[in-house]
Protein backbone atom coordinates (compact mmCIF):
# COMPACT_ATOMS: atom_id res chain seq x y z
CA MET A 1 7.15 16.71 -133.18
CA ALA A 2 10.45 18.33 -130.98
CA ALA A 3 12.42 15.31 -131.36
CA PHE A 4 12.23 16.69 -135.08
CA LEU A 5 13.26 20.36 -134.38
CA PRO A 6 16.15 21.87 -134.08
CA PRO A 7 18.02 22.19 -131.09
CA LEU A 8 17.65 25.59 -128.61
CA VAL A 9 20.68 27.56 -129.42
CA GLN A 10 22.42 30.24 -126.99
CA ASN A 11 25.34 32.51 -126.46
CA LYS A 12 26.52 31.84 -123.19
CA VAL A 13 29.42 34.37 -121.62
CA ASP A 14 31.13 34.17 -118.09
CA LEU A 15 32.54 37.28 -117.13
CA VAL A 16 35.47 36.90 -114.71
CA VAL A 17 36.46 39.98 -112.48
CA THR A 18 39.17 40.20 -110.20
CA ILE A 19 39.16 42.72 -107.18
CA ASP A 20 42.50 43.62 -105.32
CA ASN A 21 43.82 40.50 -107.12
CA THR A 22 42.61 38.35 -104.39
CA LYS A 23 38.81 38.56 -104.72
CA THR A 24 37.47 36.75 -107.77
CA PHE A 25 33.61 36.99 -108.97
CA THR A 26 32.22 35.41 -111.98
CA SER A 27 28.90 36.85 -113.60
CA LYS A 28 27.14 34.50 -116.36
CA GLY A 29 25.19 35.94 -119.20
CA LYS A 30 23.08 34.27 -121.95
CA THR A 31 21.38 35.41 -125.43
CA LEU A 32 19.30 33.69 -127.57
CA VAL A 33 19.86 32.74 -130.69
CA SER A 34 17.52 30.50 -132.02
CA LYS A 35 14.42 28.73 -130.00
CA GLY A 36 14.61 25.45 -131.85
CA TRP A 37 12.23 23.03 -130.28
CA THR A 38 10.99 25.35 -127.59
CA GLU A 39 9.08 27.27 -130.06
CA LEU A 40 6.64 24.50 -130.01
CA TYR A 41 6.02 24.94 -126.32
CA ARG A 42 5.97 28.43 -126.16
CA ARG A 43 8.56 29.15 -123.72
CA THR A 44 9.19 32.37 -122.51
CA ILE A 45 13.32 32.55 -122.70
CA ASN A 46 15.06 35.59 -121.26
CA ASP A 47 18.26 36.87 -122.10
CA ILE A 48 20.88 38.15 -119.04
CA GLU A 49 22.83 40.54 -120.80
CA LEU A 50 26.49 41.17 -119.58
CA PRO A 51 28.41 44.68 -120.34
CA ASP A 52 30.80 44.64 -123.74
CA VAL A 53 33.96 44.52 -121.80
CA LYS A 54 37.43 43.25 -123.46
CA GLU A 55 39.79 41.28 -121.50
CA GLY A 56 41.99 43.84 -119.15
CA ASP A 57 39.44 46.41 -118.96
CA ILE A 58 39.01 48.18 -115.64
CA ILE A 59 35.41 48.44 -114.69
CA VAL A 60 33.98 50.04 -111.49
CA VAL A 61 32.05 48.99 -108.86
CA LYS A 62 29.25 50.90 -108.08
CA ASP A 63 27.15 48.61 -105.42
CA PHE A 64 27.55 45.49 -103.78
CA ALA A 65 25.11 43.41 -101.18
CA VAL A 66 25.49 40.37 -99.24
CA PRO A 67 22.48 38.58 -99.33
CA THR A 68 21.54 36.50 -96.34
CA LYS A 69 20.05 32.90 -97.12
CA THR A 70 19.09 30.45 -94.64
CA SER A 71 19.95 26.69 -95.31
CA GLN A 72 17.23 24.04 -94.69
CA CYS A 73 18.11 20.87 -92.96
CA PRO A 74 17.72 17.41 -94.67
CA LYS A 75 14.28 16.07 -94.81
CA ARG A 76 13.72 13.55 -92.11
CA TYR A 77 13.28 10.03 -92.91
CA THR A 78 10.25 8.13 -93.33
CA SER A 79 9.98 4.01 -92.83
CA GLY A 80 9.81 3.94 -96.64
CA THR A 81 12.92 6.74 -97.26
CA LEU A 82 15.13 5.15 -94.46
CA THR A 83 14.98 1.47 -95.89
CA GLU A 84 15.66 3.22 -99.54
CA TRP A 85 18.44 4.75 -97.94
CA CYS A 86 19.88 1.31 -96.55
CA GLU A 87 19.43 -0.06 -100.10
CA ASN A 88 22.45 2.06 -101.13
CA PRO A 89 24.05 3.77 -98.14
CA THR A 90 27.33 4.55 -100.06
CA LYS A 91 26.58 8.28 -100.67
CA ASP A 92 27.37 8.66 -97.11
CA LEU A 93 30.87 7.19 -96.79
CA ASP A 94 33.31 9.46 -95.53
CA ASP A 95 36.25 7.39 -97.43
CA LYS A 96 35.06 8.22 -101.16
CA SER A 97 37.91 5.20 -101.71
CA LEU A 98 35.85 2.77 -100.53
CA LYS A 99 32.86 3.57 -102.44
CA SER A 100 34.56 1.99 -105.69
CA LYS A 101 34.94 -1.28 -103.97
CA LEU A 102 31.31 -1.25 -102.33
CA LYS A 103 28.81 -1.16 -105.10
CA ASN A 104 26.82 -3.66 -103.52
CA LEU A 105 26.59 -2.29 -99.76
CA LYS A 106 23.55 -3.21 -98.23
CA ILE A 107 22.39 -2.33 -94.62
CA GLY A 108 20.12 -5.04 -93.46
CA THR A 109 17.11 -6.08 -95.48
CA PRO A 110 13.68 -4.73 -96.00
CA ALA A 111 11.85 -7.16 -93.68
CA THR A 112 14.58 -7.20 -90.88
CA LEU A 113 14.41 -3.31 -91.21
CA SER A 114 10.60 -2.85 -91.15
CA GLU A 115 10.74 -4.90 -88.12
CA ALA A 116 13.68 -3.06 -86.36
CA ILE A 117 11.59 0.15 -87.56
CA LYS A 118 8.52 -1.02 -85.44
CA THR A 119 10.70 -2.02 -82.51
CA LEU A 120 12.06 1.22 -81.85
CA VAL A 121 9.27 2.96 -82.47
CA PHE A 122 6.55 0.65 -80.45
CA VAL A 123 8.63 -1.24 -78.32
CA ASP A 124 11.66 0.76 -77.23
CA LYS A 125 10.43 3.89 -78.13
CA GLN A 126 13.39 5.58 -79.06
CA VAL A 127 11.69 7.02 -82.26
CA ALA A 128 7.96 8.32 -83.03
CA LEU A 129 6.33 8.97 -85.79
CA LYS A 130 5.34 13.05 -86.69
CA LYS A 131 2.98 14.00 -89.33
CA GLU A 132 4.73 16.37 -91.52
CA GLY A 133 2.38 17.01 -94.75
CA LYS A 134 1.38 14.07 -96.07
CA ASN A 135 3.71 11.84 -94.53
CA GLN A 136 4.63 10.20 -91.25
CA VAL A 137 8.19 10.79 -90.63
CA LEU A 138 10.78 9.40 -88.03
CA GLN A 139 11.46 11.70 -85.27
CA PRO A 140 14.01 10.61 -82.19
CA THR A 141 12.59 10.72 -78.95
CA GLU A 142 14.17 12.02 -75.82
CA ALA A 143 15.53 8.67 -75.24
CA GLY A 144 16.80 8.38 -78.72
CA MET A 145 18.42 11.85 -78.64
CA THR A 146 20.09 11.03 -75.25
CA ILE A 147 21.84 7.59 -76.89
CA TYR A 148 22.92 9.50 -80.00
CA ASN A 149 24.64 12.23 -78.19
CA ASN A 150 25.91 9.56 -75.73
CA LEU A 151 27.52 7.95 -78.73
CA SER A 152 28.72 10.73 -80.67
CA ALA A 153 30.51 12.16 -77.81
CA ILE A 154 33.33 9.36 -78.19
CA ASN A 155 33.11 9.16 -81.66
CA PHE A 156 31.56 5.76 -81.76
CA SER A 157 32.64 4.36 -84.76
CA LEU A 158 30.00 1.74 -84.91
CA LEU A 159 27.59 4.64 -86.10
CA GLU A 160 29.52 5.18 -89.40
CA VAL A 161 28.92 3.55 -92.79
CA ASP A 162 32.50 3.30 -93.34
CA THR A 163 32.61 1.03 -90.46
CA THR A 164 30.15 -1.41 -92.17
CA GLY A 165 31.66 -1.09 -95.22
CA SER A 166 35.20 -1.64 -94.01
CA TRP A 167 33.87 -5.30 -92.73
CA GLU A 168 32.02 -5.73 -96.11
CA ILE A 169 35.54 -5.36 -97.78
CA ALA A 170 36.96 -7.81 -95.33
CA LEU A 171 34.61 -10.64 -95.67
CA GLU A 172 34.87 -10.05 -99.51
CA GLU A 173 38.78 -10.55 -98.83
CA ILE A 174 38.28 -13.92 -96.60
CA ILE A 175 35.97 -15.19 -99.24
CA GLU A 176 38.70 -14.50 -101.95
CA GLY A 177 41.40 -16.27 -99.78
CA SER A 178 43.35 -12.75 -99.73
CA ARG A 179 42.69 -12.49 -95.54
CA SER A 180 42.60 -15.41 -92.97
CA PHE A 181 39.04 -15.50 -91.10
CA GLU A 182 41.38 -15.70 -87.52
CA ASP A 183 42.83 -12.13 -88.25
CA PHE A 184 39.62 -10.59 -88.96
CA GLU A 185 38.00 -12.23 -85.65
CA LYS A 186 40.71 -11.04 -83.65
CA GLU A 187 40.45 -7.25 -85.31
CA ILE A 188 36.68 -7.20 -84.44
CA GLN A 189 37.02 -8.76 -80.86
CA ALA A 190 39.92 -5.92 -80.45
CA PHE A 191 37.35 -3.67 -81.79
CA VAL A 192 34.42 -4.32 -79.78
CA ASN A 193 37.00 -4.50 -76.39
CA ALA A 194 38.26 -1.32 -77.49
CA MET A 195 34.50 0.06 -77.92
CA ILE A 196 33.09 -1.49 -74.58
CA LEU A 197 35.98 0.32 -72.71
CA GLU A 198 35.51 3.79 -74.44
CA ILE A 199 31.74 3.55 -73.33
CA LYS A 200 32.85 2.54 -69.69
CA ASN A 201 35.38 5.25 -69.58
CA SER A 202 32.76 8.05 -71.03
CA ASN A 203 30.56 10.05 -68.83
CA MET A 204 27.35 9.12 -70.33
CA THR A 205 23.53 10.38 -69.61
CA ALA A 206 21.49 8.19 -68.25
CA VAL A 207 18.80 7.18 -70.49
CA ALA A 208 15.19 7.67 -69.11
CA SER A 209 13.53 4.00 -69.16
CA ASN A 210 10.55 3.82 -71.21
CA PHE A 211 9.22 0.61 -69.91
CA SER A 212 6.48 -0.50 -67.75
CA LYS A 213 7.00 -2.72 -64.91
CA GLU A 214 4.03 -4.56 -62.76
CA VAL A 215 4.00 -6.87 -60.66
CA ILE A 216 1.61 -9.39 -61.64
CA GLY A 217 1.57 -12.44 -59.44
CA LYS A 218 3.86 -14.83 -57.75
CA CYS A 219 6.52 -17.53 -59.47
CA THR A 220 5.18 -21.24 -59.14
CA LYS A 221 8.85 -22.34 -59.23
CA CYS A 222 10.63 -20.14 -56.23
CA GLY A 223 8.25 -17.93 -54.87
CA GLY A 224 9.95 -14.90 -56.29
CA ASP A 225 7.23 -11.84 -58.19
CA ILE A 226 6.64 -12.07 -61.65
CA ILE A 227 7.32 -9.00 -63.52
CA GLN A 228 5.50 -7.88 -66.58
CA THR A 229 7.59 -5.25 -68.79
CA ASP A 230 6.88 -4.14 -72.06
CA LYS A 231 8.43 -6.35 -73.65
CA SER A 232 8.68 -9.59 -71.36
CA PHE A 233 7.71 -11.45 -68.02
CA TYR A 234 10.48 -12.25 -65.36
CA CYS A 235 10.77 -13.76 -62.05
CA THR A 236 12.74 -11.31 -59.70
CA GLY A 237 14.43 -14.26 -58.30
CA TYR A 238 16.58 -15.12 -61.64
CA LYS A 239 19.55 -13.78 -59.43
CA GLU A 240 19.43 -15.45 -56.40
CA ASN A 241 17.80 -18.60 -57.23
CA ASN A 242 18.70 -19.06 -61.10
CA CYS A 243 14.84 -18.86 -61.90
CA MET A 244 14.51 -19.29 -65.31
CA SER A 245 10.48 -18.30 -65.46
CA GLY A 246 9.32 -16.06 -68.22
CA GLY A 247 9.88 -15.22 -71.58
CA PHE A 248 9.41 -12.63 -74.14
CA ARG A 249 5.66 -11.59 -74.45
CA ASN A 250 5.71 -11.52 -78.32
CA VAL A 251 4.92 -14.86 -80.00
CA GLY A 252 4.29 -15.14 -83.34
CA GLY A 253 2.76 -11.50 -83.53
CA HIS A 254 0.86 -11.99 -80.62
CA SER A 255 1.73 -10.46 -77.53
CA ILE A 256 0.81 -12.57 -74.42
CA THR A 257 -1.39 -10.65 -71.74
CA LYS A 258 -0.94 -11.15 -67.97
CA GLU A 259 -4.41 -13.26 -67.64
CA GLU A 260 -2.52 -15.47 -70.28
CA PHE A 261 0.69 -16.29 -68.65
CA LYS A 262 -1.16 -16.83 -65.70
CA GLN A 263 -2.98 -19.27 -67.45
CA LEU A 264 0.23 -20.66 -68.53
CA GLN A 265 1.67 -21.04 -65.11
CA GLN A 266 -1.26 -23.47 -64.11
CA GLY A 267 -0.29 -25.62 -66.73
CA GLU A 268 -2.40 -25.05 -69.52
CA ASP A 269 -1.88 -24.58 -73.38
CA LEU A 270 -2.33 -21.13 -75.05
CA VAL A 271 -3.62 -21.72 -78.35
CA PHE A 272 -3.69 -18.23 -80.81
CA ASP A 273 -3.38 -17.14 -84.21
CA ALA A 274 0.05 -16.51 -85.29
CA VAL A 275 1.09 -13.82 -87.95
CA PHE A 276 3.89 -14.75 -90.54
CA PRO A 277 4.76 -12.76 -93.37
CA LYS A 278 2.56 -15.01 -95.89
CA GLU A 279 0.33 -16.53 -93.84
CA ARG A 280 -1.74 -16.77 -90.33
CA VAL A 281 -1.65 -20.02 -88.94
CA GLU A 282 -3.05 -21.26 -85.41
CA ALA A 283 0.06 -21.55 -82.97
CA LYS A 284 0.30 -22.95 -79.27
CA THR A 285 2.65 -22.40 -76.61
CA LYS A 286 2.95 -23.74 -73.16
CA ILE A 287 5.43 -23.05 -70.08
CA GLN A 288 8.54 -26.02 -69.72
CA THR A 289 9.61 -27.22 -66.68
CA LYS A 290 12.04 -24.85 -65.62
CA GLY A 291 9.32 -22.49 -65.99
CA SER A 292 10.18 -20.64 -69.08
CA LEU A 293 8.05 -20.17 -71.95
CA GLU A 294 8.11 -22.84 -75.02
């Protein structure tokens, strides 16, 4: 029914007052002329009436106040909202001239971002999950904030959306033929070299290690100690003896235990269920001749 009724009609007035020819204050007023379609919804519409003045009139300021307001910080990201932001990060470009050239700019894919977030939370422990209302938000841990502060202190451009955006433009230019791959490769090499030098010359705060280490036995190849961490197994003889024993613990979604690694050291195969995006299959791993996990 509302679609067939006339529109809401209001008279709106802006009253602009200049004080000492330097400060300008604007007041907005409105008065109802016709309720139109809002009549159907029984809405209350309040008038804001301004004094009846003409251009050039001198008015008296009776009172004024400076309100105190506190701005709210942006809401923390959840895994979902962070993924959504990465699908369209152009709103955070500092160089707005890049925006028209980067309509399809994305950072990662939902699949890779999901794994990256899991790694930050459960493996690297640089981000923690915190309950806020009905949502679980992502909050940087002490280690995560230390890394951020270290990189922010040296104006680390790799953190900026503009850097990713400029690289995307360069890649498009290579495809179009207006830029050579060799020139872009040299630019990236120079960028990385400068970045590494800047990090080396900076005074960064050490990041507390979140990784646990445990000696679980002897290496069957060189006699060194086998160390188990949150991510992997490795031999302490890797420097002196170039020992390759060990490997990453996560294989197909299965985290190899120290008992299972010892089983592998004895020459036995390890059979387990590997979890992939669309299926769960039986998988097998073993230790190669050099001692590394296959």
